[in-house]
Amino acid sequence: MDFDALTAIDVHTHAEVSSKGHSSLDDDLHDASSAYFKVEGKRKPTIEETAAYYRERNMAAVIFTVDAESATGTAPVPNEEVAEAAAANADVLIPFASIDPFRGKAGVRQARRLIEEYGVRGFKFHPSIQGFFPNDRAVAYELYEVIEDAGCIALFHTGQTGIGAGVPGGGGIRLKYSNPLHVDDVSADFPDLKIILAHPSFPWQDEALAVATHKPGVHIDLSGWSPKYFPPQLVQYANTLLKDKVLFGSDFPVLTPDRWLADFAKLPVKDEVRPKILKENAARLLTT
């Protein structure tokens, strides 16, 4: 991948459907989240279609599935399929994986194999959907050890989630698991682990900013929200204390980079900070 030739790196995109048409979300959660995000266009592009989309825009994208099978009963898009498709489109796709923390030692073995045999660069965790506290030593710490040892990235969903929004009882999804302060413990216990806190972390935005300013290995991606809704303190910190640790992310396909970038252009972000957020910070994180 030629980072210099790219206009941007989107660190947060989803592979929601497999090559065989299998979806990682059941229909109720899928339809409700589409309404929540006001999705425009095709919601379930294939990985090949996602690659073509980003290639047309001269962008790269970090892509992953979400494995929450223990909690939801729905199998994810296979990590191997995501990694193989990314390898076939290595000019634009960067493979991350996702492993249900409740897979235990089998999940730890799978993580090692995905790193060694498939070249995945990071792992996505969604505590609210997966139903675990990130700082639960008995559930997830062996996974973090593997990720840290390999120099890979751990990307955690934080804050409210559009998945389950509007469904009775939120589809059983509990928001409490995604407070970024739980990830503060992880960063303290794994000081060399590269971490991304995904999304403006409503209602815990200040907590996320505190963790990212305090822990050198913690970054924030700006996915899942149109920039016009960003809290003022997030924009302030992105312009100043966190200018080297904030990353462009869209949440494609529920939020497209076209929509995100159009709104980002209207934010009062310093000219010297924009390229850091759009590409430079991610390029450095992915290559060090």
C-alpha atoms as a PDB file:
ATOM      1  CA  MET A   1       0.000   0.000   0.000  1.00  0.00           C
ATOM      2  CA  ASP A   2       1.350   3.398  -1.025  1.00  0.00           C
ATOM      3  CA  PHE A   3       0.361   5.631   1.885  1.00  0.00           C
ATOM      4  CA  ASP A   4       1.878   8.684   0.227  1.00  0.00           C
ATOM      5  CA  ALA A   5      -0.455   8.365  -2.753  1.00  0.00           C
ATOM      6  CA  LEU A   6      -3.628   8.081  -0.650  1.00  0.00           C
ATOM      7  CA  THR A   7      -5.878  11.008   0.171  1.00  0.00           C
ATOM      8  CA  ALA A   8      -7.173   9.454   3.414  1.00  0.00           C
ATOM      9  CA  ILE A   9      -7.219   6.332   5.586  1.00  0.00           C
ATOM     10  CA  ASP A  10     -10.579   5.286   7.020  1.00  0.00           C
ATOM     11  CA  VAL A  11      -9.812   3.226  10.130  1.00  0.00           C
ATOM     12  CA  HIS A  12     -13.356   1.984  10.725  1.00  0.00           C
ATOM     13  CA  THR A  13     -15.337   0.012   8.123  1.00  0.00           C
ATOM     14  CA  HIS A  14     -17.443  -3.120   8.439  1.00  0.00           C
ATOM     15  CA  ALA A  15     -17.685  -6.319   6.447  1.00  0.00           C
ATOM     16  CA  GLU A  16     -21.366  -7.062   7.093  1.00  0.00           C
ATOM     17  CA  VAL A  17     -22.006  -9.764   4.518  1.00  0.00           C
ATOM     18  CA  SER A  18     -19.996 -12.780   3.400  1.00  0.00           C
ATOM     19  CA  SER A  19     -19.401 -13.869  -0.178  1.00  0.00           C
ATOM     20  CA  LYS A  20     -22.167 -16.441   0.376  1.00  0.00           C
ATOM     21  CA  GLY A  21     -24.667 -13.788   1.468  1.00  0.00           C
ATOM     22  CA  HIS A  22     -24.468 -14.511   5.201  1.00  0.00           C
ATOM     23  CA  SER A  23     -25.063 -11.410   7.351  1.00  0.00           C
ATOM     24  CA  SER A  24     -23.444 -10.855  10.741  1.00  0.00           C
ATOM     25  CA  LEU A  25     -26.601  -9.096  12.029  1.00  0.00           C
ATOM     26  CA  ASP A  26     -30.101 -10.527  12.294  1.00  0.00           C
ATOM     27  CA  ASP A  27     -32.815  -8.741  10.325  1.00  0.00           C
ATOM     28  CA  ASP A  28     -34.328  -6.831  13.271  1.00  0.00           C
ATOM     29  CA  LEU A  29     -31.001  -5.337  14.369  1.00  0.00           C
ATOM     30  CA  HIS A  30     -29.984  -4.664  10.770  1.00  0.00           C
ATOM     31  CA  ASP A  31     -33.190  -2.829   9.862  1.00  0.00           C
ATOM     32  CA  ALA A  32     -33.259  -0.825  13.090  1.00  0.00           C
ATOM     33  CA  SER A  33     -29.659   0.297  12.726  1.00  0.00           C
ATOM     34  CA  SER A  34     -30.285   1.323   9.117  1.00  0.00           C
ATOM     35  CA  ALA A  35     -33.113   3.554  10.318  1.00  0.00           C
ATOM     36  CA  TYR A  36     -30.986   4.918  13.161  1.00  0.00           C
ATOM     37  CA  PHE A  37     -28.148   5.912  10.825  1.00  0.00           C
ATOM     38  CA  LYS A  38     -30.471   7.026   7.992  1.00  0.00           C
ATOM     39  CA  VAL A  39     -28.514   4.785   5.652  1.00  0.00           C
ATOM     40  CA  GLU A  40     -28.451   5.912   2.045  1.00  0.00           C
ATOM     41  CA  GLY A  41     -27.834   3.433  -0.760  1.00  0.00           C
ATOM     42  CA  LYS A  42     -26.806  -0.195  -0.470  1.00  0.00           C
ATOM     43  CA  ARG A  43     -26.368  -1.301   3.158  1.00  0.00           C
ATOM     44  CA  LYS A  44     -24.669  -4.615   2.490  1.00  0.00           C
ATOM     45  CA  PRO A  45     -21.842  -4.205  -0.005  1.00  0.00           C
ATOM     46  CA  THR A  46     -19.555  -7.172  -0.468  1.00  0.00           C
ATOM     47  CA  ILE A  47     -15.922  -6.790   0.530  1.00  0.00           C
ATOM     48  CA  GLU A  48     -14.987  -6.545  -3.154  1.00  0.00           C
ATOM     49  CA  GLU A  49     -17.528  -3.760  -3.619  1.00  0.00           C
ATOM     50  CA  THR A  50     -16.116  -1.993  -0.566  1.00  0.00           C
ATOM     51  CA  ALA A  51     -12.624  -2.194  -2.058  1.00  0.00           C
ATOM     52  CA  ALA A  52     -13.871  -0.742  -5.339  1.00  0.00           C
ATOM     53  CA  TYR A  53     -15.639   2.072  -3.482  1.00  0.00           C
ATOM     54  CA  TYR A  54     -12.458   3.119  -1.667  1.00  0.00           C
ATOM     55  CA  ARG A  55     -10.274   2.652  -4.733  1.00  0.00           C
ATOM     56  CA  GLU A  56     -12.475   5.088  -6.665  1.00  0.00           C
ATOM     57  CA  ARG A  57     -11.829   7.659  -3.931  1.00  0.00           C
ATOM     58  CA  ASN A  58      -8.107   6.964  -3.636  1.00  0.00           C
ATOM     59  CA  MET A  59      -8.558   6.020   0.013  1.00  0.00           C
ATOM     60  CA  ALA A  60      -7.593   3.042   2.142  1.00  0.00           C
ATOM     61  CA  ALA A  61      -9.897   1.361   4.643  1.00  0.00           C
ATOM     62  CA  VAL A  62      -9.413  -0.778   7.729  1.00  0.00           C
ATOM     63  CA  ILE A  63     -12.067  -3.490   7.440  1.00  0.00           C
ATOM     64  CA  PHE A  64     -13.368  -6.037   9.946  1.00  0.00           C
ATOM     65  CA  THR A  65     -16.272  -8.196  10.990  1.00  0.00           C
ATOM     66  CA  VAL A  66     -17.726  -8.342  14.516  1.00  0.00           C
ATOM     67  CA  ASP A  67     -17.739 -11.722  16.262  1.00  0.00           C
ATOM     68  CA  ALA A  68     -20.403 -11.703  18.978  1.00  0.00           C
ATOM     69  CA  GLU A  69     -21.711 -15.211  18.446  1.00  0.00           C
ATOM     70  CA  SER A  70     -21.856 -16.116  22.146  1.00  0.00           C
ATOM     71  CA  ALA A  71     -24.227 -13.235  22.863  1.00  0.00           C
ATOM     72  CA  THR A  72     -26.235 -13.084  19.640  1.00  0.00           C
ATOM     73  CA  GLY A  73     -26.189 -16.643  18.325  1.00  0.00           C
ATOM     74  CA  THR A  74     -25.284 -15.266  14.886  1.00  0.00           C
ATOM     75  CA  ALA A  75     -21.990 -16.307  13.308  1.00  0.00           C
ATOM     76  CA  PRO A  76     -19.812 -13.473  12.015  1.00  0.00           C
ATOM     77  CA  VAL A  77     -18.477 -13.022   8.527  1.00  0.00           C
ATOM     78  CA  PRO A  78     -15.384 -15.256   8.741  1.00  0.00           C
ATOM     79  CA  ASN A  79     -12.201 -13.440   9.682  1.00  0.00           C
ATOM     80  CA  GLU A  80     -10.323 -15.530   7.149  1.00  0.00           C
ATOM     81  CA  GLU A  81     -12.590 -14.344   4.352  1.00  0.00           C
ATOM     82  CA  VAL A  82     -12.072 -10.711   5.343  1.00  0.00           C
ATOM     83  CA  ALA A  83      -8.288 -11.168   5.472  1.00  0.00           C
ATOM     84  CA  GLU A  84      -8.153 -13.000   2.133  1.00  0.00           C
ATOM     85  CA  ALA A  85     -10.262 -10.353   0.427  1.00  0.00           C
ATOM     86  CA  ALA A  86      -8.056  -7.639   1.909  1.00  0.00           C
ATOM     87  CA  ALA A  87      -4.965  -9.424   0.621  1.00  0.00           C
ATOM     88  CA  ALA A  88      -6.544  -9.523  -2.841  1.00  0.00           C
ATOM     89  CA  ASN A  89      -7.135  -5.761  -2.578  1.00  0.00           C
ATOM     90  CA  ALA A  90      -4.021  -4.826  -0.660  1.00  0.00           C
ATOM     91  CA  ASP A  91      -3.782  -1.449  -2.361  1.00  0.00           C
ATOM     92  CA  VAL A  92      -6.865  -0.228  -0.455  1.00  0.00           C
ATOM     93  CA  LEU A  93      -7.890  -2.671   2.308  1.00  0.00           C
ATOM     94  CA  ILE A  94      -6.190  -3.277   5.667  1.00  0.00           C
ATOM     95  CA  PRO A  95      -7.434  -6.404   7.481  1.00  0.00           C
ATOM     96  CA  PHE A  96      -8.467  -6.385  11.126  1.00  0.00           C
ATOM     97  CA  ALA A  97     -10.127  -9.368  12.797  1.00  0.00           C
ATOM     98  CA  SER A  98     -12.717  -9.822  15.521  1.00  0.00           C
ATOM     99  CA  ILE A  99     -12.825 -12.619  18.063  1.00  0.00           C
ATOM    100  CA  ASP A 100     -15.565 -13.182  20.596  1.00  0.00           C
ATOM    101  CA  PRO A 101     -13.719 -12.955  23.951  1.00  0.00           C
ATOM    102  CA  PHE A 102     -15.865 -15.799  25.270  1.00  0.00           C
ATOM    103  CA  ARG A 103     -14.190 -18.199  22.848  1.00  0.00           C
ATOM    104  CA  GLY A 104     -11.495 -18.530  25.518  1.00  0.00           C
ATOM    105  CA  LYS A 105      -8.294 -20.344  24.651  1.00  0.00           C
ATOM    106  CA  ALA A 106      -9.671 -21.339  21.249  1.00  0.00           C
ATOM    107  CA  GLY A 107     -10.057 -17.640  20.497  1.00  0.00           C
ATOM    108  CA  VAL A 108      -6.498 -16.979  21.637  1.00  0.00           C
ATOM    109  CA  ARG A 109      -5.225 -19.679  19.267  1.00  0.00           C
ATOM    110  CA  GLN A 110      -7.332 -18.217  16.477  1.00  0.00           C
ATOM    111  CA  ALA A 111      -5.863 -14.757  17.092  1.00  0.00           C
ATOM    112  CA  ARG A 112      -2.327 -16.096  16.785  1.00  0.00           C
ATOM    113  CA  ARG A 113      -3.190 -17.923  13.569  1.00  0.00           C
ATOM    114  CA  LEU A 114      -4.855 -14.867  12.038  1.00  0.00           C
ATOM    115  CA  ILE A 115      -1.776 -12.780  12.781  1.00  0.00           C
ATOM    116  CA  GLU A 116       0.792 -15.325  11.638  1.00  0.00           C
ATOM    117  CA  GLU A 117      -0.988 -16.839   8.629  1.00  0.00           C
ATOM    118  CA  TYR A 118      -3.305 -14.063   7.444  1.00  0.00           C
ATOM    119  CA  GLY A 119      -1.431 -10.906   8.369  1.00  0.00           C
ATOM    120  CA  VAL A 120      -4.222  -9.158  10.253  1.00  0.00           C
ATOM    121  CA  ARG A 121      -3.125  -5.812  11.685  1.00  0.00           C
ATOM    122  CA  GLY A 122      -5.581  -5.382  14.529  1.00  0.00           C
ATOM    123  CA  PHE A 123      -8.666  -6.662  16.344  1.00  0.00           C
ATOM    124  CA  LYS A 124     -12.091  -5.084  16.761  1.00  0.00           C
ATOM    125  CA  PHE A 125     -13.972  -5.437  20.063  1.00  0.00           C
ATOM    126  CA  HIS A 126     -17.577  -4.360  20.591  1.00  0.00           C
ATOM    127  CA  PRO A 127     -18.134  -4.720  24.350  1.00  0.00           C
ATOM    128  CA  SER A 128     -21.845  -3.836  24.263  1.00  0.00           C
ATOM    129  CA  ILE A 129     -22.723  -6.406  21.603  1.00  0.00           C
ATOM    130  CA  GLN A 130     -20.224  -8.996  22.832  1.00  0.00           C
ATOM    131  CA  GLY A 131     -21.440  -8.504  26.406  1.00  0.00           C
ATOM    132  CA  PHE A 132     -18.165  -8.097  28.314  1.00  0.00           C
ATOM    133  CA  PHE A 133     -16.267  -5.473  30.261  1.00  0.00           C
ATOM    134  CA  PRO A 134     -12.950  -4.795  28.484  1.00  0.00           C
ATOM    135  CA  ASN A 135     -11.117  -4.895  31.823  1.00  0.00           C
ATOM    136  CA  ASP A 136     -12.415  -8.363  32.736  1.00  0.00           C
ATOM    137  CA  ARG A 137      -9.140 -10.214  33.234  1.00  0.00           C
ATOM    138  CA  ALA A 138     -10.713 -13.650  33.072  1.00  0.00           C
ATOM    139  CA  VAL A 139     -12.423 -13.014  29.737  1.00  0.00           C
ATOM    140  CA  ALA A 140     -10.144 -10.967  27.509  1.00  0.00           C
ATOM    141  CA  TYR A 141      -6.646 -10.526  28.899  1.00  0.00           C
ATOM    142  CA  GLU A 142      -5.072 -13.517  27.141  1.00  0.00           C
ATOM    143  CA  LEU A 143      -6.292 -12.077  23.853  1.00  0.00           C
ATOM    144  CA  TYR A 144      -4.743  -8.709  24.648  1.00  0.00           C
ATOM    145  CA  GLU A 145      -1.418 -10.399  25.419  1.00  0.00           C
ATOM    146  CA  VAL A 146      -1.334 -11.906  21.940  1.00  0.00           C
ATOM    147  CA  ILE A 147      -2.303  -8.603  20.312  1.00  0.00           C
ATOM    148  CA  GLU A 148       0.276  -6.611  22.272  1.00  0.00           C
ATOM    149  CA  ASP A 149       3.074  -9.136  21.643  1.00  0.00           C
ATOM    150  CA  ALA A 150       2.409  -8.989  17.897  1.00  0.00           C
ATOM    151  CA  GLY A 151       2.391  -5.185  17.809  1.00  0.00           C
ATOM    152  CA  CYS A 152      -1.183  -5.192  16.546  1.00  0.00           C
ATOM    153  CA  ILE A 153      -3.966  -2.722  17.372  1.00  0.00           C
ATOM    154  CA  ALA A 154      -6.979  -3.245  19.642  1.00  0.00           C
ATOM    155  CA  LEU A 155      -9.960  -1.181  18.496  1.00  0.00           C
ATOM    156  CA  PHE A 156     -12.800  -0.859  21.014  1.00  0.00           C
ATOM    157  CA  HIS A 157     -16.301   0.381  20.346  1.00  0.00           C
ATOM    158  CA  THR A 158     -17.099   3.033  22.960  1.00  0.00           C
ATOM    159  CA  GLY A 159     -20.260   4.913  23.885  1.00  0.00           C
ATOM    160  CA  GLN A 160     -23.791   4.386  22.701  1.00  0.00           C
ATOM    161  CA  THR A 161     -24.366   2.043  19.777  1.00  0.00           C
ATOM    162  CA  GLY A 162     -26.791   2.281  16.893  1.00  0.00           C
ATOM    163  CA  ILE A 163     -27.075  -1.503  16.943  1.00  0.00           C
ATOM    164  CA  GLY A 164     -30.219  -2.292  18.908  1.00  0.00           C
ATOM    165  CA  ALA A 165     -31.405   1.325  18.958  1.00  0.00           C
ATOM    166  CA  GLY A 166     -35.190   1.428  18.646  1.00  0.00           C
ATOM    167  CA  VAL A 167     -35.608  -2.313  19.212  1.00  0.00           C
ATOM    168  CA  PRO A 168     -37.545  -3.269  22.394  1.00  0.00           C
ATOM    169  CA  GLY A 169     -35.032  -3.479  25.226  1.00  0.00           C
ATOM    170  CA  GLY A 170     -32.319  -2.401  22.808  1.00  0.00           C
ATOM    171  CA  GLY A 171     -32.229  -5.961  21.539  1.00  0.00           C
ATOM    172  CA  GLY A 172     -30.747  -6.945  24.899  1.00  0.00           C
ATOM    173  CA  ILE A 173     -27.619  -4.878  24.222  1.00  0.00           C
ATOM    174  CA  ARG A 174     -26.288  -3.087  27.307  1.00  0.00           C
ATOM    175  CA  LEU A 175     -24.477   0.214  26.966  1.00  0.00           C
ATOM    176  CA  LYS A 176     -22.590  -0.046  30.275  1.00  0.00           C
ATOM    177  CA  TYR A 177     -19.891  -2.263  28.794  1.00  0.00           C
ATOM    178  CA  SER A 178     -18.659   0.471  26.436  1.00  0.00           C
ATOM    179  CA  ASN A 179     -17.599   3.167  28.894  1.00  0.00           C
ATOM    180  CA  PRO A 180     -14.023   4.060  27.789  1.00  0.00           C
ATOM    181  CA  LEU A 181     -12.854   4.088  31.407  1.00  0.00           C
ATOM    182  CA  HIS A 182     -12.914   0.277  31.267  1.00  0.00           C
ATOM    183  CA  VAL A 183     -10.328   0.511  28.474  1.00  0.00           C
ATOM    184  CA  ASP A 184      -8.196   2.774  30.678  1.00  0.00           C
ATOM    185  CA  ASP A 185      -7.566  -0.293  32.830  1.00  0.00           C
ATOM    186  CA  VAL A 186      -6.545  -2.262  29.745  1.00  0.00           C
ATOM    187  CA  SER A 187      -4.049   0.399  28.717  1.00  0.00           C
ATOM    188  CA  ALA A 188      -2.589   0.515  32.235  1.00  0.00           C
ATOM    189  CA  ASP A 189      -2.188  -3.261  32.300  1.00  0.00           C
ATOM    190  CA  PHE A 190      -0.851  -3.468  28.720  1.00  0.00           C
ATOM    191  CA  PRO A 191       1.269  -0.320  28.334  1.00  0.00           C
ATOM    192  CA  ASP A 192       2.645  -1.332  24.926  1.00  0.00           C
ATOM    193  CA  LEU A 193      -0.757  -2.159  23.448  1.00  0.00           C
ATOM    194  CA  LYS A 194      -1.863   0.193  20.675  1.00  0.00           C
ATOM    195  CA  ILE A 195      -5.511   1.088  21.319  1.00  0.00           C
ATOM    196  CA  ILE A 196      -8.182   2.962  19.380  1.00  0.00           C
ATOM    197  CA  LEU A 197     -11.326   4.181  21.136  1.00  0.00           C
ATOM    198  CA  ALA A 198     -13.936   4.140  18.391  1.00  0.00           C
ATOM    199  CA  HIS A 199     -16.495   6.927  17.999  1.00  0.00           C
ATOM    200  CA  PRO A 200     -17.381  10.045  19.898  1.00  0.00           C
ATOM    201  CA  SER A 201     -18.070   8.238  23.176  1.00  0.00           C
ATOM    202  CA  PHE A 202     -21.505   9.616  24.095  1.00  0.00           C
ATOM    203  CA  PRO A 203     -22.326   9.907  26.991  1.00  0.00           C
ATOM    204  CA  TRP A 204     -18.699   9.459  28.054  1.00  0.00           C
ATOM    205  CA  GLN A 205     -16.899  11.862  25.724  1.00  0.00           C
ATOM    206  CA  ASP A 206     -14.909  13.521  28.522  1.00  0.00           C
ATOM    207  CA  GLU A 207     -13.842  10.124  29.837  1.00  0.00           C
ATOM    208  CA  ALA A 208     -12.503   9.169  26.408  1.00  0.00           C
ATOM    209  CA  LEU A 209     -10.580  12.439  26.104  1.00  0.00           C
ATOM    210  CA  ALA A 210      -9.119  11.905  29.573  1.00  0.00           C
ATOM    211  CA  VAL A 211      -7.962   8.365  28.750  1.00  0.00           C
ATOM    212  CA  ALA A 212      -6.436   9.413  25.410  1.00  0.00           C
ATOM    213  CA  THR A 213      -4.541  12.341  26.940  1.00  0.00           C
ATOM    214  CA  HIS A 214      -3.306  10.250  29.878  1.00  0.00           C
ATOM    215  CA  LYS A 215      -2.301   7.021  28.129  1.00  0.00           C
ATOM    216  CA  PRO A 216       0.257   7.340  25.300  1.00  0.00           C
ATOM    217  CA  GLY A 217      -0.973   4.250  23.471  1.00  0.00           C
ATOM    218  CA  VAL A 218      -4.629   5.318  23.270  1.00  0.00           C
ATOM    219  CA  HIS A 219      -6.083   6.990  20.176  1.00  0.00           C
ATOM    220  CA  ILE A 220      -9.600   8.079  19.185  1.00  0.00           C
ATOM    221  CA  ASP A 221     -11.357   7.476  15.879  1.00  0.00           C
ATOM    222  CA  LEU A 222     -14.176   9.770  14.777  1.00  0.00           C
ATOM    223  CA  SER A 223     -16.440   7.171  13.178  1.00  0.00           C
ATOM    224  CA  GLY A 224     -20.140   6.609  13.562  1.00  0.00           C
ATOM    225  CA  TRP A 225     -21.169  10.261  13.819  1.00  0.00           C
ATOM    226  CA  SER A 226     -21.495  12.997  11.251  1.00  0.00           C
ATOM    227  CA  PRO A 227     -18.862  15.576  12.235  1.00  0.00           C
ATOM    228  CA  LYS A 228     -21.542  18.252  12.477  1.00  0.00           C
ATOM    229  CA  TYR A 229     -22.693  16.529  15.678  1.00  0.00           C
ATOM    230  CA  PHE A 230     -19.261  16.290  17.327  1.00  0.00           C
ATOM    231  CA  PRO A 231     -19.169  17.709  20.873  1.00  0.00           C
ATOM    232  CA  PRO A 232     -17.202  20.986  21.069  1.00  0.00           C
ATOM    233  CA  GLN A 233     -14.634  19.529  23.461  1.00  0.00           C
ATOM    234  CA  LEU A 234     -13.817  16.754  20.976  1.00  0.00           C
ATOM    235  CA  VAL A 235     -13.078  19.294  18.262  1.00  0.00           C
ATOM    236  CA  GLN A 236     -11.026  21.365  20.733  1.00  0.00           C
ATOM    237  CA  TYR A 237      -8.870  18.403  21.785  1.00  0.00           C
ATOM    238  CA  ALA A 238      -8.482  17.203  18.189  1.00  0.00           C
ATOM    239  CA  ASN A 239      -7.064  20.629  17.349  1.00  0.00           C
ATOM    240  CA  THR A 240      -4.669  20.709  20.294  1.00  0.00           C
ATOM    241  CA  LEU A 241      -3.663  18.041  22.823  1.00  0.00           C
ATOM    242  CA  LEU A 242      -4.791  15.094  20.687  1.00  0.00           C
ATOM    243  CA  LYS A 243      -3.884  16.386  17.236  1.00  0.00           C
ATOM    244  CA  ASP A 244      -1.516  13.433  16.736  1.00  0.00           C
ATOM    245  CA  LYS A 245      -3.920  10.820  18.148  1.00  0.00           C
ATOM    246  CA  VAL A 246      -7.256  11.452  16.415  1.00  0.00           C
ATOM    247  CA  LEU A 247      -8.147   9.378  13.350  1.00  0.00           C
ATOM    248  CA  PHE A 248     -10.602   9.561  10.468  1.00  0.00           C
ATOM    249  CA  GLY A 249     -13.160   6.779  10.558  1.00  0.00           C
ATOM    250  CA  SER A 250     -16.554   6.610   8.886  1.00  0.00           C
ATOM    251  CA  ASP A 251     -18.386   3.437  10.030  1.00  0.00           C
ATOM    252  CA  PHE A 252     -19.021   2.428   6.420  1.00  0.00           C
ATOM    253  CA  PRO A 253     -21.468   1.237   5.180  1.00  0.00           C
ATOM    254  CA  VAL A 254     -23.871   2.833   7.698  1.00  0.00           C
ATOM    255  CA  LEU A 255     -22.076   6.179   7.327  1.00  0.00           C
ATOM    256  CA  THR A 256     -20.200   6.851   4.108  1.00  0.00           C
ATOM    257  CA  PRO A 257     -16.898   8.703   3.887  1.00  0.00           C
ATOM    258  CA  ASP A 258     -18.502  11.020   1.316  1.00  0.00           C
ATOM    259  CA  ARG A 259     -21.039  12.232   3.877  1.00  0.00           C
ATOM    260  CA  TRP A 260     -18.476  12.298   6.704  1.00  0.00           C
ATOM    261  CA  LEU A 261     -15.879  14.268   4.756  1.00  0.00           C
ATOM    262  CA  ALA A 262     -18.403  16.821   3.517  1.00  0.00           C
ATOM    263  CA  ASP A 263     -19.363  17.619   7.098  1.00  0.00           C
ATOM    264  CA  PHE A 264     -15.764  17.457   8.351  1.00  0.00           C
ATOM    265  CA  ALA A 265     -14.812  20.151   5.859  1.00  0.00           C
ATOM    266  CA  LYS A 266     -17.123  22.546   7.714  1.00  0.00           C
ATOM    267  CA  LEU A 267     -15.547  21.995  11.139  1.00  0.00           C
ATOM    268  CA  PRO A 268     -13.163  24.602  12.592  1.00  0.00           C
ATOM    269  CA  VAL A 269     -10.163  22.280  12.348  1.00  0.00           C
ATOM    270  CA  LYS A 270      -6.745  23.841  11.829  1.00  0.00           C
ATOM    271  CA  ASP A 271      -5.262  23.472   8.353  1.00  0.00           C
ATOM    272  CA  GLU A 272      -2.159  21.789   9.751  1.00  0.00           C
ATOM    273  CA  VAL A 273      -4.283  19.305  11.727  1.00  0.00           C
ATOM    274  CA  ARG A 274      -6.601  18.128   8.930  1.00  0.00           C
ATOM    275  CA  PRO A 275      -4.018  15.955   7.137  1.00  0.00           C
ATOM    276  CA  LYS A 276      -3.026  14.408  10.466  1.00  0.00           C
ATOM    277  CA  ILE A 277      -6.603  13.323  11.152  1.00  0.00           C
ATOM    278  CA  LEU A 278      -7.358  12.216   7.608  1.00  0.00           C
ATOM    279  CA  LYS A 279      -4.231  10.154   7.002  1.00  0.00           C
ATOM    280  CA  GLU A 280      -0.949  10.868   8.769  1.00  0.00           C
ATOM    281  CA  ASN A 281      -1.884   9.700  12.275  1.00  0.00           C
ATOM    282  CA  ALA A 282      -3.335   6.432  10.976  1.00  0.00           C
ATOM    283  CA  ALA A 283      -0.367   5.779   8.675  1.00  0.00           C
ATOM    284  CA  ARG A 284       2.022   6.178  11.595  1.00  0.00           C
ATOM    285  CA  LEU A 285      -0.062   3.971  13.897  1.00  0.00           C
ATOM    286  CA  LEU A 286      -0.348   1.221  11.287  1.00  0.00           C
ATOM    287  CA  THR A 287       3.333   1.147  10.453  1.00  0.00           C
ATOM    288  CA  THR A 288       5.012   1.448  13.861  1.00  0.00           C
END
